[in-house]
Structures are given as C-alpha cells and as structure tokens.
C-alpha cells in the first residue's frame, strides 16, 4: 500500500513539473499593432503597445493576424516565440524547454531600419 502511494506521488510530481508550452508575441515596433488571435472558433483582439509582450497564449497553437489583415495569417505552434517588427511577424524560435529566454536575433532583418 505504501509503495502504491509513493508511486502515485512520484507520478503526480512528474506531471506537475512538466512545462506547459505556449506562444509568446512581442511588439518590437515603435507603434501599436492590433493582433487578432484565432484558436479554433474563438477570436480575441489585442492592441499591443511598443515593447509589450503577450505571453502564455495559444496553448495548443493558433493563427494570428496583424492589423486586421486578411492576407497575412501566421500559424503558430504551441511553443513558438515571435516578434513584430516593421509590421511583419518574425519567428524567433520555439520556447526553450528549460524556461530560459530564447536567444535574440543578432543580425538585421530585411527591411529593418538602422
């Protein structure tokens, strides 16, 4: 009986430490952007200020649109890290499993200023 209880406790501990992955979006532009997040039949609109981050969204993946554009839809997996620069979405990579922040890109992106 004690062995069963101990095994259940270990399983519970392992399940509780499993990291839930979710999408993270950061606005690196100097202006606001409307971000529409579509998960299945559910839509949510956010007005993202410069340097604002939406974290822990889209637990199972989603589609996002920027500034109500029907032409550009971006499909995101549950662990994607993306940024908005010059009104365009860039993939920075998946969220690392160990909880550290994803490395930031070091080179210039096409069309970026500076």
Protein backbone atom coordinates (compact mmCIF):
# COMPACT_ATOMS: atom_id res chain seq x y z
CA UNK A 1 0.00 0.00 0.00
CA UNK A 2 2.80 2.44 0.83
CA UNK A 3 4.59 1.56 -2.43
CA UNK A 4 1.45 2.38 -4.42
CA UNK A 5 1.04 5.70 -2.64
CA UNK A 6 4.70 6.53 -3.21
CA UNK A 7 4.42 5.65 -6.92
CA UNK A 8 1.33 7.84 -7.28
CA UNK A 9 3.16 10.69 -5.53
CA UNK A 10 6.14 10.40 -7.89
CA UNK A 11 3.86 10.35 -10.93
CA UNK A 12 2.00 13.41 -9.63
CA UNK A 13 5.28 15.24 -9.07
CA UNK A 14 6.48 14.45 -12.59
CA UNK A 15 3.22 15.62 -14.12
CA UNK A 16 3.23 18.86 -12.14
CA UNK A 17 6.77 19.78 -13.25
CA UNK A 18 6.07 19.26 -16.94
CA UNK A 19 6.25 22.70 -18.51
CA UNK A 20 3.22 23.88 -20.42
CA UNK A 21 4.25 25.49 -23.66
CA UNK A 22 2.52 28.50 -25.08
CA UNK A 23 3.05 31.15 -27.73
CA UNK A 24 4.80 34.43 -26.91
CA UNK A 25 4.45 37.55 -29.11
CA UNK A 26 6.50 40.73 -28.60
CA UNK A 27 5.90 44.06 -30.37
CA UNK A 28 9.34 45.50 -31.17
CA UNK A 29 7.93 48.30 -33.31
CA UNK A 30 7.64 51.88 -32.15
CA UNK A 31 3.90 51.90 -32.83
CA UNK A 32 0.83 49.98 -31.68
CA UNK A 33 -0.37 46.90 -33.56
CA UNK A 34 -3.72 45.15 -33.41
CA UNK A 35 -3.15 41.40 -33.02
CA UNK A 36 -6.02 39.01 -33.66
CA UNK A 37 -5.58 35.55 -32.17
CA UNK A 38 -7.71 32.77 -33.62
CA UNK A 39 -7.94 29.47 -31.74
CA UNK A 40 -10.47 27.22 -33.42
CA UNK A 41 -13.72 29.23 -33.48
CA UNK A 42 -12.54 31.70 -30.82
CA UNK A 43 -11.14 35.11 -31.79
CA UNK A 44 -9.51 37.61 -29.45
CA UNK A 45 -8.19 41.08 -30.36
CA UNK A 46 -5.34 42.79 -28.53
CA UNK A 47 -3.87 46.24 -29.06
CA UNK A 48 -0.17 45.76 -28.44
CA UNK A 49 1.85 48.78 -27.37
CA UNK A 50 5.55 49.13 -28.27
CA UNK A 51 7.71 46.65 -26.28
CA UNK A 52 4.61 44.84 -24.98
CA UNK A 53 4.64 41.03 -24.83
CA UNK A 54 1.69 38.67 -24.90
CA UNK A 55 2.88 35.51 -23.14
CA UNK A 56 1.33 32.15 -22.41
CA UNK A 57 -1.27 32.34 -25.17
CA UNK A 58 -2.31 29.66 -27.66
CA UNK A 59 -1.56 26.61 -25.53
CA UNK A 60 -2.38 24.30 -28.44
CA UNK A 61 -1.29 26.62 -31.25
CA UNK A 62 -3.27 29.26 -33.12
CA UNK A 63 -3.40 31.61 -36.08
CA UNK A 64 -2.60 35.30 -35.68
CA UNK A 65 -3.30 38.29 -37.90
CA UNK A 66 -1.69 41.71 -37.61
CA UNK A 67 -3.68 44.93 -38.06
CA UNK A 68 -6.82 43.17 -39.33
CA UNK A 69 -5.04 41.90 -42.45
CA UNK A 70 -6.89 39.01 -44.04
CA UNK A 71 -3.98 38.46 -46.44
CA UNK A 72 -1.33 37.58 -43.84
CA UNK A 73 -2.21 34.85 -41.39
CA UNK A 74 0.55 33.25 -39.34
CA UNK A 75 0.08 29.73 -37.99
CA UNK A 76 1.86 29.31 -34.66
CA UNK A 77 2.68 26.11 -32.81
CA UNK A 78 2.24 25.89 -29.05
CA UNK A 79 5.86 26.78 -28.25
CA UNK A 80 6.63 29.47 -30.85
CA UNK A 81 8.28 32.76 -29.90
CA UNK A 82 7.57 35.53 -32.41
CA UNK A 83 8.13 39.26 -32.71
CA UNK A 84 6.50 42.04 -34.69
CA UNK A 85 8.93 44.36 -36.46
CA UNK A 86 8.04 46.83 -39.19
CA UNK A 87 4.52 45.40 -39.14
CA UNK A 88 5.75 41.90 -40.01
CA UNK A 89 5.83 38.75 -37.87
CA UNK A 90 9.22 37.06 -37.42
CA UNK A 91 9.77 33.65 -35.85
CA UNK A 92 12.44 33.82 -33.15
CA UNK A 93 12.14 30.10 -32.47
CA UNK A 94 10.44 27.73 -30.12
CA UNK A 95 10.35 28.46 -26.41
CA UNK A 96 13.24 26.60 -24.76
CA UNK A 97 12.24 23.63 -22.61
CA UNK A 98 14.40 24.74 -19.67
CA UNK A 99 12.49 28.01 -19.11
CA UNK A 100 15.29 30.32 -20.26
CA UNK A 101 14.54 33.03 -22.77
CA UNK A 102 15.00 32.33 -26.46
CA UNK A 103 18.18 33.84 -27.93
CA UNK A 104 17.53 37.16 -29.62
CA UNK A 105 18.48 37.58 -33.28
CA UNK A 106 21.73 39.45 -33.81
CA UNK A 107 21.59 40.35 -37.50
CA UNK A 108 19.49 42.89 -39.29
CA UNK A 109 16.23 41.72 -40.76
CA UNK A 110 15.23 42.59 -44.32
CA UNK A 111 13.64 45.99 -44.47
CA UNK A 112 14.67 46.97 -40.94
CA UNK A 113 15.94 50.43 -40.20
CA UNK A 114 19.40 51.11 -38.86
